[in-house]
Amino acid sequence: MKSLFLSMLFLLSFLFFLANNGEAAVPCTTVDANAAACLGFATGMAAKPSDACCNGLRQLAQTVKSVNDKKAICRCLKVGAKSLGIQDRFLSMIPQACNIKVDFPVSVNTNCET
């Protein structure tokens, strides 16, 4: 469960740059499932994000249909981020390490509502 929340933080940044228009928000279960593999890197326990981490984030990004989807994913990721030991310095490296373009700073302090 810890890995799922941690992974959600990563997805936060990825989903923000991919959203367009839509209706239903992405459920936390989807976020958790796609971001779980990123926990090791986000906590500094792994030297680089795994292929499973990067692939999960790409899949999650493809589910984004609206700004509401991005906000929902962000909120899911932030739920457990601080309690899981996510480190901003590692979190901010994930977009580049996974070759995913993000047009905003990736951080545990990102405001999900803006």
PDB file of N, CA and C in Angstrom:
ATOM      1  N   MET A   1       0.830  -1.183   0.000  1.00  0.00           N
ATOM      2  CA  MET A   1       0.000   0.000   0.000  1.00  0.00           C
ATOM      3  C   MET A   1       0.877   1.249   0.000  1.00  0.00           C
ATOM      4  N   LYS A   2       2.002   1.174   0.705  1.00  0.00           N
ATOM      5  CA  LYS A   2       2.905   2.317   0.739  1.00  0.00           C
ATOM      6  C   LYS A   2       3.414   2.618  -0.663  1.00  0.00           C
ATOM      7  N   SER A   3       3.753   1.575  -1.406  1.00  0.00           N
ATOM      8  CA  SER A   3       4.276   1.785  -2.744  1.00  0.00           C
ATOM      9  C   SER A   3       3.238   2.403  -3.667  1.00  0.00           C
ATOM     10  N   LEU A   4       2.008   2.087  -3.450  1.00  0.00           N
ATOM     11  CA  LEU A   4       0.957   2.637  -4.283  1.00  0.00           C
ATOM     12  C   LEU A   4       0.812   4.135  -4.080  1.00  0.00           C
ATOM     13  N   PHE A   5       0.832   4.570  -2.839  1.00  0.00           N
ATOM     14  CA  PHE A   5       0.705   5.997  -2.552  1.00  0.00           C
ATOM     15  C   PHE A   5       1.920   6.758  -3.050  1.00  0.00           C
ATOM     16  N   LEU A   6       3.067   6.186  -2.881  1.00  0.00           N
ATOM     17  CA  LEU A   6       4.294   6.814  -3.315  1.00  0.00           C
ATOM     18  C   LEU A   6       4.304   6.984  -4.825  1.00  0.00           C
ATOM     19  N   SER A   7       3.885   5.964  -5.471  1.00  0.00           N
ATOM     20  CA  SER A   7       3.827   6.000  -6.923  1.00  0.00           C
ATOM     21  C   SER A   7       2.855   7.064  -7.404  1.00  0.00           C
ATOM     22  N   MET A   8       1.811   7.281  -6.643  1.00  0.00           N
ATOM     23  CA  MET A   8       0.829   8.279  -7.018  1.00  0.00           C
ATOM     24  C   MET A   8       1.443   9.667  -7.073  1.00  0.00           C
ATOM     25  N   LEU A   9       2.392   9.943  -6.224  1.00  0.00           N
ATOM     26  CA  LEU A   9       3.056  11.243  -6.255  1.00  0.00           C
ATOM     27  C   LEU A   9       3.745  11.470  -7.585  1.00  0.00           C
ATOM     28  N   PHE A  10       4.322  10.446  -8.093  1.00  0.00           N
ATOM     29  CA  PHE A  10       5.013  10.548  -9.368  1.00  0.00           C
ATOM     30  C   PHE A  10       4.026  10.804 -10.486  1.00  0.00           C
ATOM     31  N   LEU A  11       2.962  10.116 -10.410  1.00  0.00           N
ATOM     32  CA  LEU A  11       1.945  10.240 -11.430  1.00  0.00           C
ATOM     33  C   LEU A  11       1.337  11.619 -11.460  1.00  0.00           C
ATOM     34  N   LEU A  12       1.306  12.226 -10.332  1.00  0.00           N
ATOM     35  CA  LEU A  12       0.799  13.579 -10.205  1.00  0.00           C
ATOM     36  C   LEU A  12       1.379  14.469 -11.287  1.00  0.00           C
ATOM     37  N   SER A  13       2.656  14.480 -11.395  1.00  0.00           N
ATOM     38  CA  SER A  13       3.301  15.340 -12.360  1.00  0.00           C
ATOM     39  C   SER A  13       3.022  14.901 -13.784  1.00  0.00           C
ATOM     40  N   PHE A  14       2.987  13.611 -14.010  1.00  0.00           N
ATOM     41  CA  PHE A  14       2.785  13.099 -15.350  1.00  0.00           C
ATOM     42  C   PHE A  14       1.381  13.361 -15.871  1.00  0.00           C
ATOM     43  N   LEU A  15       0.442  13.291 -15.018  1.00  0.00           N
ATOM     44  CA  LEU A  15      -0.928  13.483 -15.434  1.00  0.00           C
ATOM     45  C   LEU A  15      -1.265  14.942 -15.671  1.00  0.00           C
ATOM     46  N   PHE A  16      -0.614  15.814 -14.954  1.00  0.00           N
ATOM     47  CA  PHE A  16      -0.869  17.240 -15.121  1.00  0.00           C
ATOM     48  C   PHE A  16      -0.540  17.706 -16.537  1.00  0.00           C
ATOM     49  N   PHE A  17       0.458  17.153 -17.125  1.00  0.00           N
ATOM     50  CA  PHE A  17       0.850  17.619 -18.456  1.00  0.00           C
ATOM     51  C   PHE A  17       0.095  16.931 -19.569  1.00  0.00           C
ATOM     52  N   LEU A  18      -0.628  15.872 -19.277  1.00  0.00           N
ATOM     53  CA  LEU A  18      -1.302  15.110 -20.321  1.00  0.00           C
ATOM     54  C   LEU A  18      -2.806  15.343 -20.437  1.00  0.00           C
ATOM     55  N   ALA A  19      -3.382  16.026 -19.498  1.00  0.00           N
ATOM     56  CA  ALA A  19      -4.850  16.159 -19.492  1.00  0.00           C
ATOM     57  C   ALA A  19      -5.370  17.074 -20.598  1.00  0.00           C
ATOM     58  N   ASN A  20      -6.567  16.754 -21.057  1.00  0.00           N
ATOM     59  CA  ASN A  20      -7.265  17.575 -22.055  1.00  0.00           C
ATOM     60  C   ASN A  20      -8.655  17.891 -21.533  1.00  0.00           C
ATOM     61  N   ASN A  21      -9.647  17.160 -22.015  1.00  0.00           N
ATOM     62  CA  ASN A  21     -11.023  17.349 -21.561  1.00  0.00           C
ATOM     63  C   ASN A  21     -11.619  16.000 -21.197  1.00  0.00           C
ATOM     64  N   GLY A  22     -12.579  15.992 -20.266  1.00  0.00           N
ATOM     65  CA  GLY A  22     -13.202  14.746 -19.879  1.00  0.00           C
ATOM     66  C   GLY A  22     -14.209  14.953 -18.779  1.00  0.00           C
ATOM     67  N   GLU A  23     -14.684  13.832 -18.212  1.00  0.00           N
ATOM     68  CA  GLU A  23     -15.717  13.930 -17.208  1.00  0.00           C
ATOM     69  C   GLU A  23     -15.330  13.230 -15.914  1.00  0.00           C
ATOM     70  N   ALA A  24     -15.212  11.925 -15.931  1.00  0.00           N
ATOM     71  CA  ALA A  24     -14.963  11.172 -14.703  1.00  0.00           C
ATOM     72  C   ALA A  24     -13.494  11.239 -14.298  1.00  0.00           C
ATOM     73  N   ALA A  25     -13.282  11.357 -13.001  1.00  0.00           N
ATOM     74  CA  ALA A  25     -11.916  11.413 -12.483  1.00  0.00           C
ATOM     75  C   ALA A  25     -11.333  10.004 -12.408  1.00  0.00           C
ATOM     76  N   VAL A  26     -10.015   9.924 -12.510  1.00  0.00           N
ATOM     77  CA  VAL A  26      -9.307   8.653 -12.406  1.00  0.00           C
ATOM     78  C   VAL A  26      -9.353   8.195 -10.946  1.00  0.00           C
ATOM     79  N   PRO A  27      -9.786   6.953 -10.687  1.00  0.00           N
ATOM     80  CA  PRO A  27      -9.868   6.466  -9.304  1.00  0.00           C
ATOM     81  C   PRO A  27      -8.481   6.165  -8.723  1.00  0.00           C
ATOM     82  N   CYS A  28      -8.356   6.305  -7.412  1.00  0.00           N
ATOM     83  CA  CYS A  28      -7.076   6.054  -6.743  1.00  0.00           C
ATOM     84  C   CYS A  28      -6.594   4.621  -6.945  1.00  0.00           C
ATOM     85  N   THR A  29      -7.498   3.691  -7.113  1.00  0.00           N
ATOM     86  CA  THR A  29      -7.060   2.308  -7.343  1.00  0.00           C
ATOM     87  C   THR A  29      -6.266   2.194  -8.633  1.00  0.00           C
ATOM     88  N   THR A  30      -6.660   2.944  -9.644  1.00  0.00           N
ATOM     89  CA  THR A  30      -5.931   2.955 -10.916  1.00  0.00           C
ATOM     90  C   THR A  30      -4.571   3.625 -10.735  1.00  0.00           C
ATOM     91  N   VAL A  31      -4.567   4.716 -10.019  1.00  0.00           N
ATOM     92  CA  VAL A  31      -3.318   5.443  -9.752  1.00  0.00           C
ATOM     93  C   VAL A  31      -2.355   4.535  -8.986  1.00  0.00           C
ATOM     94  N   ASP A  32      -2.854   3.921  -7.943  1.00  0.00           N
ATOM     95  CA  ASP A  32      -2.038   3.040  -7.115  1.00  0.00           C
ATOM     96  C   ASP A  32      -1.423   1.918  -7.932  1.00  0.00           C
ATOM     97  N   ALA A  33      -2.236   1.288  -8.737  1.00  0.00           N
ATOM     98  CA  ALA A  33      -1.771   0.146  -9.524  1.00  0.00           C
ATOM     99  C   ALA A  33      -0.678   0.549 -10.517  1.00  0.00           C
ATOM    100  N   ASN A  34      -0.805   1.720 -11.109  1.00  0.00           N
ATOM    101  CA  ASN A  34       0.155   2.151 -12.122  1.00  0.00           C
ATOM    102  C   ASN A  34       1.412   2.783 -11.546  1.00  0.00           C
ATOM    103  N   ALA A  35       1.348   3.284 -10.336  1.00  0.00           N
ATOM    104  CA  ALA A  35       2.490   3.993  -9.761  1.00  0.00           C
ATOM    105  C   ALA A  35       3.271   3.182  -8.729  1.00  0.00           C
ATOM    106  N   ALA A  36       2.776   2.055  -8.347  1.00  0.00           N
ATOM    107  CA  ALA A  36       3.378   1.260  -7.268  1.00  0.00           C
ATOM    108  C   ALA A  36       4.855   0.964  -7.481  1.00  0.00           C
ATOM    109  N   ALA A  37       5.247   0.696  -8.688  1.00  0.00           N
ATOM    110  CA  ALA A  37       6.628   0.302  -8.974  1.00  0.00           C
ATOM    111  C   ALA A  37       7.629   1.448  -8.809  1.00  0.00           C
ATOM    112  N   CYS A  38       7.160   2.656  -8.596  1.00  0.00           N
ATOM    113  CA  CYS A  38       8.047   3.823  -8.461  1.00  0.00           C
ATOM    114  C   CYS A  38       8.508   4.066  -7.030  1.00  0.00           C
ATOM    115  N   LEU A  39       7.948   3.378  -6.094  1.00  0.00           N
ATOM    116  CA  LEU A  39       8.231   3.624  -4.682  1.00  0.00           C
ATOM    117  C   LEU A  39       9.709   3.501  -4.336  1.00  0.00           C
ATOM    118  N   GLY A  40      10.361   2.472  -4.838  1.00  0.00           N
ATOM    119  CA  GLY A  40      11.778   2.266  -4.519  1.00  0.00           C
ATOM    120  C   GLY A  40      12.641   3.460  -4.881  1.00  0.00           C
ATOM    121  N   PHE A  41      12.449   3.983  -6.064  1.00  0.00           N
ATOM    122  CA  PHE A  41      13.250   5.132  -6.489  1.00  0.00           C
ATOM    123  C   PHE A  41      12.852   6.394  -5.734  1.00  0.00           C
ATOM    124  N   ALA A  42      11.570   6.612  -5.555  1.00  0.00           N
ATOM    125  CA  ALA A  42      11.083   7.834  -4.914  1.00  0.00           C
ATOM    126  C   ALA A  42      11.534   7.958  -3.466  1.00  0.00           C
ATOM    127  N   THR A  43      11.823   6.837  -2.841  1.00  0.00           N
ATOM    128  CA  THR A  43      12.289   6.853  -1.452  1.00  0.00           C
ATOM    129  C   THR A  43      13.809   6.776  -1.362  1.00  0.00           C
ATOM    130  N   GLY A  44      14.469   6.692  -2.505  1.00  0.00           N
ATOM    131  CA  GLY A  44      15.928   6.620  -2.517  1.00  0.00           C
ATOM    132  C   GLY A  44      16.473   5.227  -2.313  1.00  0.00           C
ATOM    133  N   MET A  45      15.629   4.224  -2.379  1.00  0.00           N
ATOM    134  CA  MET A  45      16.067   2.850  -2.170  1.00  0.00           C
ATOM    135  C   MET A  45      16.535   2.171  -3.451  1.00  0.00           C
ATOM    136  N   ALA A  46      16.229   2.748  -4.590  1.00  0.00           N
ATOM    137  CA  ALA A  46      16.657   2.205  -5.884  1.00  0.00           C
ATOM    138  C   ALA A  46      17.449   3.280  -6.613  1.00  0.00           C
ATOM    139  N   ALA A  47      18.430   2.858  -7.386  1.00  0.00           N
ATOM    140  CA  ALA A  47      19.310   3.792  -8.096  1.00  0.00           C
ATOM    141  C   ALA A  47      18.617   4.509  -9.241  1.00  0.00           C
ATOM    142  N   LYS A  48      17.608   3.889  -9.813  1.00  0.00           N
ATOM    143  CA  LYS A  48      16.872   4.509 -10.917  1.00  0.00           C
ATOM    144  C   LYS A  48      15.463   3.948 -10.941  1.00  0.00           C
ATOM    145  N   PRO A  49      14.535   4.670 -11.596  1.00  0.00           N
ATOM    146  CA  PRO A  49      13.172   4.147 -11.705  1.00  0.00           C
ATOM    147  C   PRO A  49      13.194   2.867 -12.554  1.00  0.00           C
ATOM    148  N   SER A  50      12.436   1.891 -12.153  1.00  0.00           N
ATOM    149  CA  SER A  50      12.366   0.637 -12.903  1.00  0.00           C
ATOM    150  C   SER A  50      11.575   0.830 -14.194  1.00  0.00           C
ATOM    151  N   ASP A  51      11.737  -0.120 -15.104  1.00  0.00           N
ATOM    152  CA  ASP A  51      10.937  -0.091 -16.329  1.00  0.00           C
ATOM    153  C   ASP A  51       9.452  -0.163 -15.979  1.00  0.00           C
ATOM    154  N   ALA A  52       9.127  -0.950 -14.962  1.00  0.00           N
ATOM    155  CA  ALA A  52       7.727  -1.068 -14.538  1.00  0.00           C
ATOM    156  C   ALA A  52       7.190   0.273 -14.050  1.00  0.00           C
ATOM    157  N   CYS A  53       8.027   1.044 -13.362  1.00  0.00           N
ATOM    158  CA  CYS A  53       7.640   2.375 -12.897  1.00  0.00           C
ATOM    159  C   CYS A  53       7.320   3.272 -14.091  1.00  0.00           C
ATOM    160  N   CYS A  54       8.259   3.365 -15.004  1.00  0.00           N
ATOM    161  CA  CYS A  54       8.076   4.247 -16.161  1.00  0.00           C
ATOM    162  C   CYS A  54       6.891   3.821 -17.022  1.00  0.00           C
ATOM    163  N   ASN A  55       6.760   2.521 -17.242  1.00  0.00           N
ATOM    164  CA  ASN A  55       5.639   2.022 -18.042  1.00  0.00           C
ATOM    165  C   ASN A  55       4.311   2.279 -17.348  1.00  0.00           C
ATOM    166  N   GLY A  56       4.277   2.114 -16.041  1.00  0.00           N
ATOM    167  CA  GLY A  56       3.055   2.376 -15.288  1.00  0.00           C
ATOM    168  C   GLY A  56       2.644   3.831 -15.371  1.00  0.00           C
ATOM    169  N   LEU A  57       3.623   4.723 -15.299  1.00  0.00           N
ATOM    170  CA  LEU A  57       3.323   6.149 -15.379  1.00  0.00           C
ATOM    171  C   LEU A  57       2.834   6.529 -16.770  1.00  0.00           C
ATOM    172  N   ARG A  58       3.429   5.914 -17.781  1.00  0.00           N
ATOM    173  CA  ARG A  58       2.959   6.184 -19.151  1.00  0.00           C
ATOM    174  C   ARG A  58       1.520   5.706 -19.332  1.00  0.00           C
ATOM    175  N   GLN A  59       1.215   4.532 -18.802  1.00  0.00           N
ATOM    176  CA  GLN A  59      -0.154   4.015 -18.891  1.00  0.00           C
ATOM    177  C   GLN A  59      -1.127   4.921 -18.149  1.00  0.00           C
ATOM    178  N   LEU A  60      -0.727   5.371 -16.991  1.00  0.00           N
ATOM    179  CA  LEU A  60      -1.586   6.260 -16.225  1.00  0.00           C
ATOM    180  C   LEU A  60      -1.822   7.563 -16.986  1.00  0.00           C
ATOM    181  N   ALA A  61      -0.782   8.088 -17.571  1.00  0.00           N
ATOM    182  CA  ALA A  61      -0.900   9.337 -18.329  1.00  0.00           C
ATOM    183  C   ALA A  61      -1.896   9.189 -19.477  1.00  0.00           C
ATOM    184  N   GLN A  62      -1.968   8.004 -20.052  1.00  0.00           N
ATOM    185  CA  GLN A  62      -2.901   7.778 -21.158  1.00  0.00           C
ATOM    186  C   GLN A  62      -4.358   7.762 -20.697  1.00  0.00           C
ATOM    187  N   THR A  63      -4.589   7.593 -19.410  1.00  0.00           N
ATOM    188  CA  THR A  63      -5.964   7.581 -18.902  1.00  0.00           C
ATOM    189  C   THR A  63      -6.511   8.982 -18.671  1.00  0.00           C
ATOM    190  N   VAL A  64      -5.649   9.971 -18.690  1.00  0.00           N
ATOM    191  CA  VAL A  64      -6.063  11.343 -18.401  1.00  0.00           C
ATOM    192  C   VAL A  64      -6.888  11.914 -19.554  1.00  0.00           C
ATOM    193  N   LYS A  65      -8.073  12.355 -19.202  1.00  0.00           N
ATOM    194  CA  LYS A  65      -8.979  12.942 -20.194  1.00  0.00           C
ATOM    195  C   LYS A  65      -9.339  14.384 -19.868  1.00  0.00           C
ATOM    196  N   SER A  66      -9.039  14.817 -18.637  1.00  0.00           N
ATOM    197  CA  SER A  66      -9.457  16.157 -18.230  1.00  0.00           C
ATOM    198  C   SER A  66      -8.560  16.698 -17.123  1.00  0.00           C
ATOM    199  N   VAL A  67      -8.736  17.962 -16.838  1.00  0.00           N
ATOM    200  CA  VAL A  67      -8.035  18.589 -15.723  1.00  0.00           C
ATOM    201  C   VAL A  67      -8.469  17.936 -14.423  1.00  0.00           C
ATOM    202  N   ASN A  68      -9.736  17.552 -14.333  1.00  0.00           N
ATOM    203  CA  ASN A  68     -10.227  16.877 -13.136  1.00  0.00           C
ATOM    204  C   ASN A  68      -9.509  15.552 -12.913  1.00  0.00           C
ATOM    205  N   ASP A  69      -9.171  14.857 -13.999  1.00  0.00           N
ATOM    206  CA  ASP A  69      -8.405  13.621 -13.890  1.00  0.00           C
ATOM    207  C   ASP A  69      -7.034  13.903 -13.285  1.00  0.00           C
ATOM    208  N   LYS A  70      -6.384  14.951 -13.750  1.00  0.00           N
ATOM    209  CA  LYS A  70      -5.060  15.306 -13.228  1.00  0.00           C
ATOM    210  C   LYS A  70      -5.134  15.650 -11.750  1.00  0.00           C
ATOM    211  N   LYS A  71      -6.147  16.416 -11.384  1.00  0.00           N
ATOM    212  CA  LYS A  71      -6.306  16.799  -9.979  1.00  0.00           C
ATOM    213  C   LYS A  71      -6.566  15.576  -9.106  1.00  0.00           C
ATOM    214  N   ALA A  72      -7.388  14.661  -9.591  1.00  0.00           N
ATOM    215  CA  ALA A  72      -7.701  13.452  -8.831  1.00  0.00           C
ATOM    216  C   ALA A  72      -6.447  12.611  -8.624  1.00  0.00           C
ATOM    217  N   ILE A  73      -5.651  12.467  -9.647  1.00  0.00           N
ATOM    218  CA  ILE A  73      -4.419  11.689  -9.545  1.00  0.00           C
ATOM    219  C   ILE A  73      -3.464  12.350  -8.562  1.00  0.00           C
ATOM    220  N   CYS A  74      -3.356  13.642  -8.648  1.00  0.00           N
ATOM    221  CA  CYS A  74      -2.496  14.385  -7.735  1.00  0.00           C
ATOM    222  C   CYS A  74      -2.923  14.144  -6.291  1.00  0.00           C
ATOM    223  N   ARG A  75      -4.212  14.250  -6.051  1.00  0.00           N
ATOM    224  CA  ARG A  75      -4.715  14.051  -4.682  1.00  0.00           C
ATOM    225  C   ARG A  75      -4.442  12.634  -4.191  1.00  0.00           C
ATOM    226  N   CYS A  76      -4.620  11.660  -5.063  1.00  0.00           N
ATOM    227  CA  CYS A  76      -4.338  10.267  -4.688  1.00  0.00           C
ATOM    228  C   CYS A  76      -2.873  10.105  -4.294  1.00  0.00           C
ATOM    229  N   LEU A  77      -2.001  10.690  -5.069  1.00  0.00           N
ATOM    230  CA  LEU A  77      -0.569  10.567  -4.817  1.00  0.00           C
ATOM    231  C   LEU A  77      -0.150  11.228  -3.511  1.00  0.00           C
ATOM    232  N   LYS A  78      -0.777  12.339  -3.198  1.00  0.00           N
ATOM    233  CA  LYS A  78      -0.383  13.079  -2.004  1.00  0.00           C
ATOM    234  C   LYS A  78      -0.888  12.453  -0.704  1.00  0.00           C
ATOM    235  N   VAL A  79      -1.893  11.600  -0.800  1.00  0.00           N
ATOM    236  CA  VAL A  79      -2.489  11.006   0.391  1.00  0.00           C
ATOM    237  C   VAL A  79      -1.438  10.353   1.284  1.00  0.00           C
ATOM    238  N   GLY A  80      -0.558   9.584   0.699  1.00  0.00           N
ATOM    239  CA  GLY A  80       0.411   8.873   1.526  1.00  0.00           C
ATOM    240  C   GLY A  80       1.856   9.275   1.329  1.00  0.00           C
ATOM    241  N   ALA A  81       2.116  10.258   0.511  1.00  0.00           N
ATOM    242  CA  ALA A  81       3.484  10.616   0.153  1.00  0.00           C
ATOM    243  C   ALA A  81       4.378  10.940   1.343  1.00  0.00           C
ATOM    244  N   LYS A  82       3.915  11.780   2.208  1.00  0.00           N
ATOM    245  CA  LYS A  82       4.759  12.204   3.329  1.00  0.00           C
ATOM    246  C   LYS A  82       5.010  11.068   4.308  1.00  0.00           C
ATOM    247  N   SER A  83       4.022  10.224   4.515  1.00  0.00           N
ATOM    248  CA  SER A  83       4.190   9.118   5.461  1.00  0.00           C
ATOM    249  C   SER A  83       5.023   7.984   4.876  1.00  0.00           C
ATOM    250  N   LEU A  84       5.211   7.971   3.568  1.00  0.00           N
ATOM    251  CA  LEU A  84       5.960   6.894   2.920  1.00  0.00           C
ATOM    252  C   LEU A  84       7.433   7.232   2.719  1.00  0.00           C
ATOM    253  N   GLY A  85       7.824   8.424   3.063  1.00  0.00           N
ATOM    254  CA  GLY A  85       9.227   8.792   2.924  1.00  0.00           C
ATOM    255  C   GLY A  85       9.651   9.189   1.522  1.00  0.00           C
ATOM    256  N   ILE A  86       8.744   9.683   0.736  1.00  0.00           N
ATOM    257  CA  ILE A  86       9.060  10.158  -0.605  1.00  0.00           C
ATOM    258  C   ILE A  86       9.982  11.361  -0.482  1.00  0.00           C
ATOM    259  N   GLN A  87      11.025  11.364  -1.266  1.00  0.00           N
ATOM    260  CA  GLN A  87      11.990  12.459  -1.219  1.00  0.00           C
ATOM    261  C   GLN A  87      11.888  13.273  -2.508  1.00  0.00           C
ATOM    262  N   ASP A  88      11.689  14.575  -2.352  1.00  0.00           N
ATOM    263  CA  ASP A  88      11.540  15.469  -3.502  1.00  0.00           C
ATOM    264  C   ASP A  88      12.688  15.336  -4.501  1.00  0.00           C
ATOM    265  N   ARG A  89      13.901  15.198  -4.019  1.00  0.00           N
ATOM    266  CA  ARG A  89      15.044  15.150  -4.939  1.00  0.00           C
ATOM    267  C   ARG A  89      14.952  13.955  -5.879  1.00  0.00           C
ATOM    268  N   PHE A  90      14.387  12.842  -5.418  1.00  0.00           N
ATOM    269  CA  PHE A  90      14.224  11.676  -6.287  1.00  0.00           C
ATOM    270  C   PHE A  90      12.952  11.798  -7.119  1.00  0.00           C
ATOM    271  N   LEU A  91      11.913  12.294  -6.498  1.00  0.00           N
ATOM    272  CA  LEU A  91      10.646  12.476  -7.195  1.00  0.00           C
ATOM    273  C   LEU A  91      10.818  13.368  -8.418  1.00  0.00           C
ATOM    274  N   SER A  92      11.558  14.438  -8.259  1.00  0.00           N
ATOM    275  CA  SER A  92      11.737  15.386  -9.365  1.00  0.00           C
ATOM    276  C   SER A  92      12.565  14.814 -10.513  1.00  0.00           C
ATOM    277  N   MET A  93      13.273  13.735 -10.289  1.00  0.00           N
ATOM    278  CA  MET A  93      14.101  13.111 -11.331  1.00  0.00           C
ATOM    279  C   MET A  93      13.320  12.135 -12.211  1.00  0.00           C
ATOM    280  N   ILE A  94      12.178  11.707 -11.758  1.00  0.00           N
ATOM    281  CA  ILE A  94      11.450  10.653 -12.473  1.00  0.00           C
ATOM    282  C   ILE A  94      11.044  11.036 -13.895  1.00  0.00           C
ATOM    283  N   PRO A  95      10.511  12.230 -14.142  1.00  0.00           N
ATOM    284  CA  PRO A  95      10.131  12.548 -15.524  1.00  0.00           C
ATOM    285  C   PRO A  95      11.307  12.410 -16.507  1.00  0.00           C
ATOM    286  N   GLN A  96      12.447  12.939 -16.147  1.00  0.00           N
ATOM    287  CA  GLN A  96      13.598  12.850 -17.038  1.00  0.00           C
ATOM    288  C   GLN A  96      14.088  11.407 -17.148  1.00  0.00           C
ATOM    289  N   ALA A  97      14.156  10.716 -16.033  1.00  0.00           N
ATOM    290  CA  ALA A  97      14.636   9.332 -16.034  1.00  0.00           C
ATOM    291  C   ALA A  97      13.728   8.417 -16.850  1.00  0.00           C
ATOM    292  N   CYS A  98      12.443   8.714 -16.869  1.00  0.00           N
ATOM    293  CA  CYS A  98      11.474   7.911 -17.623  1.00  0.00           C
ATOM    294  C   CYS A  98      11.195   8.490 -19.009  1.00  0.00           C
ATOM    295  N   ASN A  99      11.871   9.587 -19.336  1.00  0.00           N
ATOM    296  CA  ASN A  99      11.694  10.254 -20.627  1.00  0.00           C
ATOM    297  C   ASN A  99      10.231  10.653 -20.850  1.00  0.00           C
ATOM    298  N   ILE A 100       9.684  11.282 -19.819  1.00  0.00           N
ATOM    299  CA  ILE A 100       8.310  11.776 -19.880  1.00  0.00           C
ATOM    300  C   ILE A 100       8.354  13.289 -19.708  1.00  0.00           C
ATOM    301  N   LYS A 101       7.771  14.005 -20.669  1.00  0.00           N
ATOM    302  CA  LYS A 101       7.799  15.468 -20.634  1.00  0.00           C
ATOM    303  C   LYS A 101       6.787  16.012 -19.628  1.00  0.00           C
ATOM    304  N   VAL A 102       7.284  16.864 -18.737  1.00  0.00           N
ATOM    305  CA  VAL A 102       6.434  17.508 -17.737  1.00  0.00           C
ATOM    306  C   VAL A 102       6.742  19.004 -17.772  1.00  0.00           C
ATOM    307  N   ASP A 103       5.692  19.817 -17.881  1.00  0.00           N
ATOM    308  CA  ASP A 103       5.870  21.259 -18.027  1.00  0.00           C
ATOM    309  C   ASP A 103       5.725  22.034 -16.725  1.00  0.00           C
ATOM    310  N   PHE A 104       5.941  21.392 -15.594  1.00  0.00           N
ATOM    311  CA  PHE A 104       5.830  22.045 -14.301  1.00  0.00           C
ATOM    312  C   PHE A 104       6.722  21.300 -13.321  1.00  0.00           C
ATOM    313  N   PRO A 105       7.060  21.928 -12.200  1.00  0.00           N
ATOM    314  CA  PRO A 105       7.909  21.260 -11.211  1.00  0.00           C
ATOM    315  C   PRO A 105       7.190  20.072 -10.561  1.00  0.00           C
ATOM    316  N   VAL A 106       7.904  18.985 -10.425  1.00  0.00           N
ATOM    317  CA  VAL A 106       7.358  17.789  -9.776  1.00  0.00           C
ATOM    318  C   VAL A 106       7.820  17.819  -8.320  1.00  0.00           C
ATOM    319  N   SER A 107       6.860  17.816  -7.413  1.00  0.00           N
ATOM    320  CA  SER A 107       7.198  17.947  -6.007  1.00  0.00           C
ATOM    321  C   SER A 107       6.088  17.409  -5.115  1.00  0.00           C
ATOM    322  N   VAL A 108       6.451  16.963  -3.923  1.00  0.00           N
ATOM    323  CA  VAL A 108       5.435  16.541  -2.953  1.00  0.00           C
ATOM    324  C   VAL A 108       4.626  17.745  -2.472  1.00  0.00           C
ATOM    325  N   ASN A 109       5.109  18.942  -2.755  1.00  0.00           N
ATOM    326  CA  ASN A 109       4.431  20.166  -2.333  1.00  0.00           C
ATOM    327  C   ASN A 109       3.562  20.784  -3.432  1.00  0.00           C
ATOM    328  N   THR A 110       3.416  20.097  -4.542  1.00  0.00           N
ATOM    329  CA  THR A 110       2.593  20.610  -5.642  1.00  0.00           C
ATOM    330  C   THR A 110       1.153  20.796  -5.164  1.00  0.00           C
ATOM    331  N   ASN A 111       0.555  21.927  -5.527  1.00  0.00           N
ATOM    332  CA  ASN A 111      -0.840  22.199  -5.201  1.00  0.00           C
ATOM    333  C   ASN A 111      -1.710  21.515  -6.250  1.00  0.00           C
ATOM    334  N   CYS A 112      -2.423  20.500  -5.841  1.00  0.00           N
ATOM    335  CA  CYS A 112      -3.243  19.708  -6.772  1.00  0.00           C
ATOM    336  C   CYS A 112      -4.400  20.499  -7.383  1.00  0.00           C
ATOM    337  N   GLU A 113      -4.767  21.590  -6.778  1.00  0.00           N
ATOM    338  CA  GLU A 113      -5.930  22.345  -7.252  1.00  0.00           C
ATOM    339  C   GLU A 113      -5.575  23.429  -8.270  1.00  0.00           C
ATOM    340  N   THR A 114      -4.309  23.613  -8.543  1.00  0.00           N
ATOM    341  CA  THR A 114      -3.918  24.652  -9.517  1.00  0.00           C
ATOM    342  C   THR A 114      -3.312  24.071 -10.762  1.00  0.00           C
TER     343      THR A 114
END
